[in-house]
Amino acid sequence: MIMKVYHRDSLPHPLDLNHCRNPGWPRLYTHVADVEASGLEEAFRLTNSLERPWWENEEITLKTEPPLRSTSVGEVIDDGSGPKLCLAVGWRDLQEEAKVT
Protein backbone atom coordinates (compact mmCIF):
# COMPACT_ATOMS: atom_id res chain seq x y z
CA MET A 1 0.00 0.00 0.00
CA ILE A 2 1.07 3.61 -0.52
CA MET A 3 1.94 5.48 2.66
CA LYS A 4 2.55 9.21 2.94
CA VAL A 5 5.65 10.30 4.88
CA TYR A 6 5.74 13.68 6.61
CA HIS A 7 8.81 15.18 8.24
CA ARG A 8 8.64 17.86 10.88
CA ASP A 9 9.90 21.15 9.44
CA SER A 10 12.41 21.52 12.29
CA LEU A 11 13.35 18.95 14.87
CA PRO A 12 12.97 19.88 18.53
CA HIS A 13 15.79 19.55 21.02
CA PRO A 14 16.26 15.82 21.84
CA LEU A 15 15.42 16.41 25.51
CA ASP A 16 12.20 18.30 24.70
CA LEU A 17 9.57 15.58 24.97
CA ASN A 18 6.69 18.05 24.55
CA HIS A 19 6.72 17.50 20.76
CA CYS A 20 5.42 13.96 21.32
CA ARG A 21 2.53 15.25 23.44
CA ASN A 22 1.76 18.14 21.08
CA PRO A 23 3.41 17.47 17.71
CA GLY A 24 1.86 20.43 15.84
CA TRP A 25 0.27 18.14 13.26
CA PRO A 26 -0.23 19.02 10.39
CA ARG A 27 0.89 22.65 10.65
CA LEU A 28 4.60 21.91 11.34
CA TYR A 29 5.03 19.10 8.79
CA THR A 30 5.93 18.71 5.10
CA HIS A 31 4.90 15.79 2.87
CA VAL A 32 8.34 14.52 1.79
CA ALA A 33 7.57 11.18 0.12
CA ASP A 34 5.16 8.40 -0.69
CA VAL A 35 6.40 4.89 -0.01
CA GLU A 36 5.09 1.50 -1.12
CA ALA A 37 5.19 -0.56 2.07
CA SER A 38 3.29 -3.32 3.83
CA GLY A 39 3.17 -1.52 7.18
CA LEU A 40 4.49 1.32 9.32
CA GLU A 41 7.68 -0.49 10.32
CA GLU A 42 8.59 -1.21 6.69
CA ALA A 43 7.84 2.41 5.71
CA PHE A 44 10.08 3.56 8.58
CA ARG A 45 12.90 1.23 7.47
CA LEU A 46 12.62 2.31 3.81
CA THR A 47 12.85 5.99 4.77
CA ASN A 48 16.09 5.55 6.71
CA SER A 49 19.49 5.77 5.05
CA LEU A 50 21.11 2.41 5.78
CA GLU A 51 23.19 1.18 2.84
CA ARG A 52 22.42 4.21 0.66
CA PRO A 53 20.34 7.40 0.76
CA TRP A 54 16.77 6.33 1.45
CA TRP A 55 15.31 8.37 -1.43
CA GLU A 56 17.14 6.03 -3.83
CA ASN A 57 14.99 3.05 -2.76
CA GLU A 58 12.70 1.97 -5.60
CA GLU A 59 9.64 2.00 -3.32
CA ILE A 60 10.01 5.77 -2.78
CA THR A 61 8.31 8.59 -4.70
CA LEU A 62 9.75 11.90 -3.51
CA LYS A 63 7.50 14.91 -2.97
CA THR A 64 10.38 17.33 -2.28
CA GLU A 65 14.05 17.66 -3.23
CA PRO A 66 16.84 15.65 -1.55
CA PRO A 67 18.89 15.53 0.49
CA LEU A 68 16.48 14.63 3.27
CA ARG A 69 17.07 13.32 6.77
CA SER A 70 15.93 9.83 7.73
CA THR A 71 12.53 9.38 9.30
CA SER A 72 12.84 9.64 13.07
CA VAL A 73 10.91 10.03 16.31
CA GLY A 74 8.42 12.87 15.90
CA GLU A 75 7.81 12.29 12.18
CA VAL A 76 4.42 11.18 10.81
CA ILE A 77 3.43 8.38 8.42
CA ASP A 78 -0.13 8.11 7.09
CA ASP A 79 -0.84 4.45 6.38
CA GLY A 80 -4.20 5.13 4.74
CA SER A 81 -6.13 4.83 7.99
CA GLY A 82 -4.85 8.17 9.28
CA PRO A 83 -1.63 9.81 10.45
CA LYS A 84 0.61 8.00 12.96
CA LEU A 85 3.27 9.79 15.00
CA CYS A 86 6.56 7.91 15.35
CA LEU A 87 7.49 7.45 19.01
CA ALA A 88 10.67 6.05 20.58
CA VAL A 89 8.75 2.76 20.80
CA GLY A 90 5.72 2.35 18.56
CA TRP A 91 3.26 4.78 16.98
CA ARG A 92 0.54 7.14 18.19
CA ASP A 93 -2.68 7.49 16.18
CA LEU A 94 -3.21 11.23 15.62
CA GLN A 95 -6.57 10.72 13.89
CA GLU A 96 -8.06 8.94 16.91
CA GLU A 97 -6.87 11.79 19.16
CA ALA A 98 -8.53 14.35 16.87
CA LYS A 99 -11.86 12.51 17.28
CA VAL A 100 -11.62 12.69 21.07
CA THR A 101 -10.81 16.40 21.30
PDB file of N, CA and C in Angstrom:
ATOM      1  N   MET A   1       0.827  -1.169   0.000  1.00  0.00           N
ATOM      2  CA  MET A   1       0.000   0.000   0.000  1.00  0.00           C
ATOM      3  C   MET A   1       0.881   1.246   0.000  1.00  0.00           C
ATOM      4  N   ILE A   2       0.337   2.341  -0.487  1.00  0.00           N
ATOM      5  CA  ILE A   2       1.071   3.614  -0.518  1.00  0.00           C
ATOM      6  C   ILE A   2       0.872   4.335   0.815  1.00  0.00           C
ATOM      7  N   MET A   3       1.978   4.730   1.407  1.00  0.00           N
ATOM      8  CA  MET A   3       1.944   5.481   2.659  1.00  0.00           C
ATOM      9  C   MET A   3       2.586   6.839   2.432  1.00  0.00           C
ATOM     10  N   LYS A   4       2.027   7.852   3.058  1.00  0.00           N
ATOM     11  CA  LYS A   4       2.551   9.214   2.942  1.00  0.00           C
ATOM     12  C   LYS A   4       3.462   9.496   4.138  1.00  0.00           C
ATOM     13  N   VAL A   5       4.653  10.020   3.837  1.00  0.00           N
ATOM     14  CA  VAL A   5       5.651  10.301   4.876  1.00  0.00           C
ATOM     15  C   VAL A   5       5.780  11.808   5.039  1.00  0.00           C
ATOM     16  N   TYR A   6       5.654  12.267   6.278  1.00  0.00           N
ATOM     17  CA  TYR A   6       5.741  13.682   6.609  1.00  0.00           C
ATOM     18  C   TYR A   6       6.874  13.890   7.606  1.00  0.00           C
ATOM     19  N   HIS A   7       7.749  14.827   7.305  1.00  0.00           N
ATOM     20  CA  HIS A   7       8.814  15.182   8.241  1.00  0.00           C
ATOM     21  C   HIS A   7       8.493  16.521   8.881  1.00  0.00           C
ATOM     22  N   ARG A   8       8.809  16.607  10.152  1.00  0.00           N
ATOM     23  CA  ARG A   8       8.639  17.864  10.885  1.00  0.00           C
ATOM     24  C   ARG A   8       9.580  18.895  10.281  1.00  0.00           C
ATOM     25  N   ASP A   9       9.101  20.113  10.096  1.00  0.00           N
ATOM     26  CA  ASP A   9       9.901  21.152   9.443  1.00  0.00           C
ATOM     27  C   ASP A   9      11.194  21.451  10.192  1.00  0.00           C
ATOM     28  N   SER A  10      11.173  21.405  11.508  1.00  0.00           N
ATOM     29  CA  SER A  10      12.409  21.525  12.290  1.00  0.00           C
ATOM     30  C   SER A  10      12.290  20.586  13.474  1.00  0.00           C
ATOM     31  N   LEU A  11      13.375  19.895  13.762  1.00  0.00           N
ATOM     32  CA  LEU A  11      13.349  18.946  14.869  1.00  0.00           C
ATOM     33  C   LEU A  11      13.559  19.665  16.190  1.00  0.00           C
ATOM     34  N   PRO A  12      12.787  19.284  17.209  1.00  0.00           N
ATOM     35  CA  PRO A  12      12.969  19.884  18.526  1.00  0.00           C
ATOM     36  C   PRO A  12      14.248  19.371  19.182  1.00  0.00           C
ATOM     37  N   HIS A  13      14.647  20.015  20.252  1.00  0.00           N
ATOM     38  CA  HIS A  13      15.792  19.550  21.023  1.00  0.00           C
ATOM     39  C   HIS A  13      15.502  18.124  21.496  1.00  0.00           C
ATOM     40  N   PRO A  14      16.503  17.221  21.465  1.00  0.00           N
ATOM     41  CA  PRO A  14      16.264  15.817  21.840  1.00  0.00           C
ATOM     42  C   PRO A  14      15.688  15.622  23.243  1.00  0.00           C
ATOM     43  N   LEU A  15      15.942  16.554  24.146  1.00  0.00           N
ATOM     44  CA  LEU A  15      15.423  16.415  25.508  1.00  0.00           C
ATOM     45  C   LEU A  15      14.047  17.042  25.684  1.00  0.00           C
ATOM     46  N   ASP A  16      13.534  17.684  24.642  1.00  0.00           N
ATOM     47  CA  ASP A  16      12.203  18.298  24.696  1.00  0.00           C
ATOM     48  C   ASP A  16      11.169  17.257  24.283  1.00  0.00           C
ATOM     49  N   LEU A  17      10.545  16.628  25.259  1.00  0.00           N
ATOM     50  CA  LEU A  17       9.569  15.578  24.967  1.00  0.00           C
ATOM     51  C   LEU A  17       8.178  16.129  24.694  1.00  0.00           C
ATOM     52  N   ASN A  18       7.997  17.437  24.797  1.00  0.00           N
ATOM     53  CA  ASN A  18       6.693  18.048  24.550  1.00  0.00           C
ATOM     54  C   ASN A  18       6.218  17.812  23.119  1.00  0.00           C
ATOM     55  N   HIS A  19       7.142  17.694  22.153  1.00  0.00           N
ATOM     56  CA  HIS A  19       6.721  17.500  20.764  1.00  0.00           C
ATOM     57  C   HIS A  19       5.971  16.186  20.563  1.00  0.00           C
ATOM     58  N   CYS A  20       6.171  15.209  21.434  1.00  0.00           N
ATOM     59  CA  CYS A  20       5.420  13.957  21.317  1.00  0.00           C
ATOM     60  C   CYS A  20       4.021  14.102  21.920  1.00  0.00           C
ATOM     61  N   ARG A  21       3.860  15.001  22.867  1.00  0.00           N
ATOM     62  CA  ARG A  21       2.532  15.254  23.437  1.00  0.00           C
ATOM     63  C   ARG A  21       1.728  16.191  22.541  1.00  0.00           C
ATOM     64  N   ASN A  22       2.410  17.156  21.932  1.00  0.00           N
ATOM     65  CA  ASN A  22       1.757  18.143  21.076  1.00  0.00           C
ATOM     66  C   ASN A  22       2.627  18.341  19.833  1.00  0.00           C
ATOM     67  N   PRO A  23       2.488  17.448  18.849  1.00  0.00           N
ATOM     68  CA  PRO A  23       3.407  17.465  17.705  1.00  0.00           C
ATOM     69  C   PRO A  23       3.197  18.602  16.703  1.00  0.00           C
ATOM     70  N   GLY A  24       2.104  19.358  16.799  1.00  0.00           N
ATOM     71  CA  GLY A  24       1.861  20.431  15.839  1.00  0.00           C
ATOM     72  C   GLY A  24       1.405  19.913  14.487  1.00  0.00           C
ATOM     73  N   TRP A  25       0.753  18.756  14.495  1.00  0.00           N
ATOM     74  CA  TRP A  25       0.272  18.138  13.257  1.00  0.00           C
ATOM     75  C   TRP A  25      -0.998  18.838  12.793  1.00  0.00           C
ATOM     76  N   PRO A  26      -1.152  19.138  11.533  1.00  0.00           N
ATOM     77  CA  PRO A  26      -0.230  19.019  10.395  1.00  0.00           C
ATOM     78  C   PRO A  26       0.577  20.288  10.116  1.00  0.00           C
ATOM     79  N   ARG A  27       0.326  21.320  10.909  1.00  0.00           N
ATOM     80  CA  ARG A  27       0.894  22.646  10.652  1.00  0.00           C
ATOM     81  C   ARG A  27       2.418  22.652  10.522  1.00  0.00           C
ATOM     82  N   LEU A  28       3.136  21.867  11.313  1.00  0.00           N
ATOM     83  CA  LEU A  28       4.598  21.913  11.341  1.00  0.00           C
ATOM     84  C   LEU A  28       5.263  20.831  10.489  1.00  0.00           C
ATOM     85  N   TYR A  29       4.516  20.237   9.561  1.00  0.00           N
ATOM     86  CA  TYR A  29       5.034  19.097   8.791  1.00  0.00           C
ATOM     87  C   TYR A  29       4.973  19.343   7.286  1.00  0.00           C
ATOM     88  N   THR A  30       5.882  18.674   6.568  1.00  0.00           N
ATOM     89  CA  THR A  30       5.928  18.714   5.103  1.00  0.00           C
ATOM     90  C   THR A  30       5.843  17.293   4.561  1.00  0.00           C
ATOM     91  N   HIS A  31       5.007  17.085   3.548  1.00  0.00           N
ATOM     92  CA  HIS A  31       4.898  15.787   2.871  1.00  0.00           C
ATOM     93  C   HIS A  31       6.170  15.596   2.037  1.00  0.00           C
ATOM     94  N   VAL A  32       7.044  14.686   2.463  1.00  0.00           N
ATOM     95  CA  VAL A  32       8.341  14.520   1.790  1.00  0.00           C
ATOM     96  C   VAL A  32       8.371  13.360   0.805  1.00  0.00           C
ATOM     97  N   ALA A  33       7.510  12.337   1.013  1.00  0.00           N
ATOM     98  CA  ALA A  33       7.568  11.179   0.124  1.00  0.00           C
ATOM     99  C   ALA A  33       6.323  10.318   0.273  1.00  0.00           C
ATOM    100  N   ASP A  34       6.083   9.520  -0.767  1.00  0.00           N
ATOM    101  CA  ASP A  34       5.158   8.397  -0.694  1.00  0.00           C
ATOM    102  C   ASP A  34       6.015   7.141  -0.764  1.00  0.00           C
ATOM    103  N   VAL A  35       5.621   6.122  -0.024  1.00  0.00           N
ATOM    104  CA  VAL A  35       6.399   4.886  -0.007  1.00  0.00           C
ATOM    105  C   VAL A  35       5.452   3.696  -0.141  1.00  0.00           C
ATOM    106  N   GLU A  36       5.830   2.757  -0.974  1.00  0.00           N
ATOM    107  CA  GLU A  36       5.091   1.502  -1.124  1.00  0.00           C
ATOM    108  C   GLU A  36       5.619   0.563  -0.046  1.00  0.00           C
ATOM    109  N   ALA A  37       4.761   0.267   0.944  1.00  0.00           N
ATOM    110  CA  ALA A  37       5.192  -0.561   2.074  1.00  0.00           C
ATOM    111  C   ALA A  37       4.016  -1.370   2.599  1.00  0.00           C
ATOM    112  N   SER A  38       4.338  -2.453   3.291  1.00  0.00           N
ATOM    113  CA  SER A  38       3.295  -3.323   3.835  1.00  0.00           C
ATOM    114  C   SER A  38       2.826  -2.885   5.213  1.00  0.00           C
ATOM    115  N   GLY A  39       3.552  -1.980   5.848  1.00  0.00           N
ATOM    116  CA  GLY A  39       3.173  -1.515   7.177  1.00  0.00           C
ATOM    117  C   GLY A  39       4.057  -0.361   7.623  1.00  0.00           C
ATOM    118  N   LEU A  40       3.743   0.175   8.799  1.00  0.00           N
ATOM    119  CA  LEU A  40       4.492   1.324   9.316  1.00  0.00           C
ATOM    120  C   LEU A  40       5.968   1.024   9.520  1.00  0.00           C
ATOM    121  N   GLU A  41       6.277  -0.145  10.052  1.00  0.00           N
ATOM    122  CA  GLU A  41       7.680  -0.488  10.322  1.00  0.00           C
ATOM    123  C   GLU A  41       8.490  -0.571   9.025  1.00  0.00           C
ATOM    124  N   GLU A  42       7.896  -1.137   7.972  1.00  0.00           N
ATOM    125  CA  GLU A  42       8.593  -1.207   6.692  1.00  0.00           C
ATOM    126  C   GLU A  42       8.765   0.194   6.099  1.00  0.00           C
ATOM    127  N   ALA A  43       7.736   1.033   6.203  1.00  0.00           N
ATOM    128  CA  ALA A  43       7.845   2.408   5.710  1.00  0.00           C
ATOM    129  C   ALA A  43       8.949   3.150   6.462  1.00  0.00           C
ATOM    130  N   PHE A  44       9.024   2.947   7.774  1.00  0.00           N
ATOM    131  CA  PHE A  44      10.080   3.561   8.584  1.00  0.00           C
ATOM    132  C   PHE A  44      11.454   3.100   8.092  1.00  0.00           C
ATOM    133  N   ARG A  45      11.614   1.789   7.916  1.00  0.00           N
ATOM    134  CA  ARG A  45      12.903   1.233   7.465  1.00  0.00           C
ATOM    135  C   ARG A  45      13.285   1.780   6.084  1.00  0.00           C
ATOM    136  N   LEU A  46      12.325   1.847   5.168  1.00  0.00           N
ATOM    137  CA  LEU A  46      12.618   2.308   3.815  1.00  0.00           C
ATOM    138  C   LEU A  46      12.950   3.796   3.744  1.00  0.00           C
ATOM    139  N   THR A  47      12.551   4.560   4.762  1.00  0.00           N
ATOM    140  CA  THR A  47      12.851   5.992   4.766  1.00  0.00           C
ATOM    141  C   THR A  47      13.986   6.323   5.738  1.00  0.00           C
ATOM    142  N   ASN A  48      14.857   5.346   5.952  1.00  0.00           N
ATOM    143  CA  ASN A  48      16.092   5.550   6.708  1.00  0.00           C
ATOM    144  C   ASN A  48      17.266   5.187   5.822  1.00  0.00           C
ATOM    145  N   SER A  49      18.291   6.006   5.857  1.00  0.00           N
ATOM    146  CA  SER A  49      19.489   5.768   5.048  1.00  0.00           C
ATOM    147  C   SER A  49      20.348   4.715   5.747  1.00  0.00           C
ATOM    148  N   LEU A  50      20.325   3.505   5.217  1.00  0.00           N
ATOM    149  CA  LEU A  50      21.107   2.412   5.784  1.00  0.00           C
ATOM    150  C   LEU A  50      22.309   2.136   4.885  1.00  0.00           C
ATOM    151  N   GLU A  51      22.096   1.455   3.774  1.00  0.00           N
ATOM    152  CA  GLU A  51      23.192   1.178   2.843  1.00  0.00           C
ATOM    153  C   GLU A  51      23.413   2.298   1.825  1.00  0.00           C
ATOM    154  N   ARG A  52      22.378   3.110   1.635  1.00  0.00           N
ATOM    155  CA  ARG A  52      22.421   4.213   0.662  1.00  0.00           C
ATOM    156  C   ARG A  52      21.381   5.247   1.078  1.00  0.00           C
ATOM    157  N   PRO A  53      21.385   6.411   0.429  1.00  0.00           N
ATOM    158  CA  PRO A  53      20.344   7.403   0.757  1.00  0.00           C
ATOM    159  C   PRO A  53      18.951   6.798   0.538  1.00  0.00           C
ATOM    160  N   TRP A  54      18.068   7.008   1.505  1.00  0.00           N
ATOM    161  CA  TRP A  54      16.769   6.335   1.454  1.00  0.00           C
ATOM    162  C   TRP A  54      15.947   6.718   0.241  1.00  0.00           C
ATOM    163  N   TRP A  55      16.121   7.918  -0.291  1.00  0.00           N
ATOM    164  CA  TRP A  55      15.312   8.367  -1.428  1.00  0.00           C
ATOM    165  C   TRP A  55      15.699   7.647  -2.721  1.00  0.00           C
ATOM    166  N   GLU A  56      16.768   6.843  -2.676  1.00  0.00           N
ATOM    167  CA  GLU A  56      17.140   6.029  -3.833  1.00  0.00           C
ATOM    168  C   GLU A  56      16.436   4.679  -3.845  1.00  0.00           C
ATOM    169  N   ASN A  57      15.726   4.316  -2.791  1.00  0.00           N
ATOM    170  CA  ASN A  57      14.985   3.054  -2.759  1.00  0.00           C
ATOM    171  C   ASN A  57      13.866   3.097  -3.801  1.00  0.00           C
ATOM    172  N   GLU A  58      13.683   2.005  -4.503  1.00  0.00           N
ATOM    173  CA  GLU A  58      12.701   1.971  -5.598  1.00  0.00           C
ATOM    174  C   GLU A  58      11.264   2.130  -5.123  1.00  0.00           C
ATOM    175  N   GLU A  59      10.998   1.874  -3.853  1.00  0.00           N
ATOM    176  CA  GLU A  59       9.643   1.997  -3.316  1.00  0.00           C
ATOM    177  C   GLU A  59       9.260   3.447  -3.005  1.00  0.00           C
ATOM    178  N   ILE A  60      10.189   4.377  -3.179  1.00  0.00           N
ATOM    179  CA  ILE A  60      10.007   5.769  -2.776  1.00  0.00           C
ATOM    180  C   ILE A  60       9.626   6.651  -3.964  1.00  0.00           C
ATOM    181  N   THR A  61       8.628   7.510  -3.771  1.00  0.00           N
ATOM    182  CA  THR A  61       8.309   8.595  -4.696  1.00  0.00           C
ATOM    183  C   THR A  61       8.463   9.889  -3.905  1.00  0.00           C
ATOM    184  N   LEU A  62       9.485  10.664  -4.243  1.00  0.00           N
ATOM    185  CA  LEU A  62       9.749  11.903  -3.510  1.00  0.00           C
ATOM    186  C   LEU A  62       8.714  12.972  -3.824  1.00  0.00           C
ATOM    187  N   LYS A  63       8.408  13.775  -2.820  1.00  0.00           N
ATOM    188  CA  LYS A  63       7.501  14.910  -2.969  1.00  0.00           C
ATOM    189  C   LYS A  63       8.236  16.238  -2.766  1.00  0.00           C
ATOM    190  N   THR A  64       9.523  16.169  -2.462  1.00  0.00           N
ATOM    191  CA  THR A  64      10.376  17.334  -2.277  1.00  0.00           C
ATOM    192  C   THR A  64      11.793  16.951  -2.702  1.00  0.00           C
ATOM    193  N   GLU A  65      12.690  17.906  -2.730  1.00  0.00           N
ATOM    194  CA  GLU A  65      14.045  17.660  -3.225  1.00  0.00           C
ATOM    195  C   GLU A  65      14.974  17.121  -2.130  1.00  0.00           C
ATOM    196  N   PRO A  66      15.817  16.111  -2.489  1.00  0.00           N
ATOM    197  CA  PRO A  66      16.836  15.654  -1.545  1.00  0.00           C
ATOM    198  C   PRO A  66      17.969  16.672  -1.478  1.00  0.00           C
ATOM    199  N   PRO A  67      18.838  16.599  -0.518  1.00  0.00           N
ATOM    200  CA  PRO A  67      18.895  15.531   0.487  1.00  0.00           C
ATOM    201  C   PRO A  67      17.860  15.738   1.580  1.00  0.00           C
ATOM    202  N   LEU A  68      17.454  14.633   2.178  1.00  0.00           N
ATOM    203  CA  LEU A  68      16.480  14.627   3.268  1.00  0.00           C
ATOM    204  C   LEU A  68      17.028  13.787   4.419  1.00  0.00           C
ATOM    205  N   ARG A  69      16.637  14.143   5.627  1.00  0.00           N
ATOM    206  CA  ARG A  69      17.065  13.316   6.766  1.00  0.00           C
ATOM    207  C   ARG A  69      16.221  12.045   6.797  1.00  0.00           C
ATOM    208  N   SER A  70      16.685  11.066   7.530  1.00  0.00           N
ATOM    209  CA  SER A  70      15.934   9.831   7.727  1.00  0.00           C
ATOM    210  C   SER A  70      14.728  10.097   8.620  1.00  0.00           C
ATOM    211  N   THR A  71      13.691   9.290   8.444  1.00  0.00           N
ATOM    212  CA  THR A  71      12.526   9.375   9.301  1.00  0.00           C
ATOM    213  C   THR A  71      12.931   9.014  10.722  1.00  0.00           C
ATOM    214  N   SER A  72      12.414   9.782  11.685  1.00  0.00           N
ATOM    215  CA  SER A  72      12.842   9.642  13.070  1.00  0.00           C
ATOM    216  C   SER A  72      11.659   9.843  14.011  1.00  0.00           C
ATOM    217  N   VAL A  73      11.920   9.740  15.296  1.00  0.00           N
ATOM    218  CA  VAL A  73      10.910  10.027  16.313  1.00  0.00           C
ATOM    219  C   VAL A  73      10.370  11.439  16.076  1.00  0.00           C
ATOM    220  N   GLY A  74       9.056  11.574  16.122  1.00  0.00           N
ATOM    221  CA  GLY A  74       8.421  12.866  15.902  1.00  0.00           C
ATOM    222  C   GLY A  74       7.934  13.084  14.482  1.00  0.00           C
ATOM    223  N   GLU A  75       8.292  12.191  13.557  1.00  0.00           N
ATOM    224  CA  GLU A  75       7.807  12.291  12.179  1.00  0.00           C
ATOM    225  C   GLU A  75       6.454  11.568  12.083  1.00  0.00           C
ATOM    226  N   VAL A  76       5.755  11.746  10.970  1.00  0.00           N
ATOM    227  CA  VAL A  76       4.417  11.176  10.807  1.00  0.00           C
ATOM    228  C   VAL A  76       4.360  10.363   9.517  1.00  0.00           C
ATOM    229  N   ILE A  77       3.725   9.193   9.604  1.00  0.00           N
ATOM    230  CA  ILE A  77       3.430   8.379   8.418  1.00  0.00           C
ATOM    231  C   ILE A  77       1.932   8.115   8.409  1.00  0.00           C
ATOM    232  N   ASP A  78       1.297   8.400   7.266  1.00  0.00           N
ATOM    233  CA  ASP A  78      -0.127   8.112   7.094  1.00  0.00           C
ATOM    234  C   ASP A  78      -0.233   6.805   6.313  1.00  0.00           C
ATOM    235  N   ASP A  79      -0.752   5.790   6.978  1.00  0.00           N
ATOM    236  CA  ASP A  79      -0.838   4.455   6.379  1.00  0.00           C
ATOM    237  C   ASP A  79      -2.151   4.206   5.648  1.00  0.00           C
ATOM    238  N   GLY A  80      -2.917   5.265   5.424  1.00  0.00           N
ATOM    239  CA  GLY A  80      -4.200   5.130   4.742  1.00  0.00           C
ATOM    240  C   GLY A  80      -5.365   5.108   5.709  1.00  0.00           C
ATOM    241  N   SER A  81      -5.076   4.796   6.975  1.00  0.00           N
ATOM    242  CA  SER A  81      -6.132   4.829   7.992  1.00  0.00           C
ATOM    243  C   SER A  81      -5.988   6.049   8.895  1.00  0.00           C
ATOM    244  N   GLY A  82      -5.065   6.949   8.521  1.00  0.00           N
ATOM    245  CA  GLY A  82      -4.847   8.169   9.285  1.00  0.00           C
ATOM    246  C   GLY A  82      -3.392   8.327   9.688  1.00  0.00           C
ATOM    247  N   PRO A  83      -3.016   9.522  10.109  1.00  0.00           N
ATOM    248  CA  PRO A  83      -1.630   9.807  10.455  1.00  0.00           C
ATOM    249  C   PRO A  83      -1.209   9.166  11.765  1.00  0.00           C
ATOM    250  N   LYS A  84       0.021   8.617  11.768  1.00  0.00           N
ATOM    251  CA  LYS A  84       0.610   8.001  12.959  1.00  0.00           C
ATOM    252  C   LYS A  84       1.912   8.712  13.276  1.00  0.00           C
ATOM    253  N   LEU A  85       2.064   9.129  14.531  1.00  0.00           N
ATOM    254  CA  LEU A  85       3.272   9.793  15.002  1.00  0.00           C
ATOM    255  C   LEU A  85       4.269   8.746  15.461  1.00  0.00           C
ATOM    256  N   CYS A  86       5.500   8.835  14.961  1.00  0.00           N
ATOM    257  CA  CYS A  86       6.558   7.908  15.345  1.00  0.00           C
ATOM    258  C   CYS A  86       7.064   8.265  16.744  1.00  0.00           C
ATOM    259  N   LEU A  87       7.001   7.290  17.647  1.00  0.00           N
ATOM    260  CA  LEU A  87       7.488   7.451  19.013  1.00  0.00           C
ATOM    261  C   LEU A  87       8.786   6.673  19.179  1.00  0.00           C
ATOM    262  N   ALA A  88       9.447   6.813  20.314  1.00  0.00           N
ATOM    263  CA  ALA A  88      10.671   6.051  20.576  1.00  0.00           C
ATOM    264  C   ALA A  88      10.391   4.553  20.499  1.00  0.00           C
ATOM    265  N   VAL A  89       9.196   4.150  20.933  1.00  0.00           N
ATOM    266  CA  VAL A  89       8.746   2.765  20.800  1.00  0.00           C
ATOM    267  C   VAL A  89       7.304   2.816  20.323  1.00  0.00           C
ATOM    268  N   GLY A  90       7.074   2.426  19.087  1.00  0.00           N
ATOM    269  CA  GLY A  90       5.721   2.352  18.557  1.00  0.00           C
ATOM    270  C   GLY A  90       5.238   3.630  17.884  1.00  0.00           C
ATOM    271  N   TRP A  91       3.907   3.713  17.740  1.00  0.00           N
ATOM    272  CA  TRP A  91       3.256   4.776  16.985  1.00  0.00           C
ATOM    273  C   TRP A  91       2.052   5.279  17.755  1.00  0.00           C
ATOM    274  N   ARG A  92       1.716   6.551  17.574  1.00  0.00           N
ATOM    275  CA  ARG A  92       0.538   7.138  18.188  1.00  0.00           C
ATOM    276  C   ARG A  92      -0.410   7.578  17.085  1.00  0.00           C
ATOM    277  N   ASP A  93      -1.672   7.185  17.193  1.00  0.00           N
ATOM    278  CA  ASP A  93      -2.685   7.489  16.178  1.00  0.00           C
ATOM    279  C   ASP A  93      -3.196   8.911  16.375  1.00  0.00           C
ATOM    280  N   LEU A  94      -2.795   9.823  15.505  1.00  0.00           N
ATOM    281  CA  LEU A  94      -3.208  11.229  15.618  1.00  0.00           C
ATOM    282  C   LEU A  94      -4.656  11.441  15.206  1.00  0.00           C
ATOM    283  N   GLN A  95      -5.173  10.597  14.327  1.00  0.00           N
ATOM    284  CA  GLN A  95      -6.568  10.717  13.893  1.00  0.00           C
ATOM    285  C   GLN A  95      -7.521  10.369  15.027  1.00  0.00           C
ATOM    286  N   GLU A  96      -7.221   9.332  15.783  1.00  0.00           N
ATOM    287  CA  GLU A  96      -8.055   8.945  16.914  1.00  0.00           C
ATOM    288  C   GLU A  96      -8.088  10.047  17.960  1.00  0.00           C
ATOM    289  N   GLU A  97      -6.929  10.693  18.194  1.00  0.00           N
ATOM    290  CA  GLU A  97      -6.866  11.790  19.159  1.00  0.00           C
ATOM    291  C   GLU A  97      -7.738  12.966  18.703  1.00  0.00           C
ATOM    292  N   ALA A  98      -7.745  13.235  17.405  1.00  0.00           N
ATOM    293  CA  ALA A  98      -8.530  14.348  16.873  1.00  0.00           C
ATOM    294  C   ALA A  98     -10.029  14.103  17.093  1.00  0.00           C
ATOM    295  N   LYS A  99     -10.450  12.841  17.060  1.00  0.00           N
ATOM    296  CA  LYS A  99     -11.860  12.510  17.281  1.00  0.00           C
ATOM    297  C   LYS A  99     -12.276  12.757  18.731  1.00  0.00           C
ATOM    298  N   VAL A 100     -11.332  12.556  19.649  1.00  0.00           N
ATOM    299  CA  VAL A 100     -11.625  12.693  21.070  1.00  0.00           C
ATOM    300  C   VAL A 100     -11.715  14.147  21.482  1.00  0.00           C
ATOM    301  N   THR A 101     -10.865  14.993  20.895  1.00  0.00           N
ATOM    302  CA  THR A 101     -10.814  16.404  21.302  1.00  0.00           C
ATOM    303  C   THR A 101     -11.832  17.253  20.605  1.00  0.00           C
TER     304      THR A 101
END
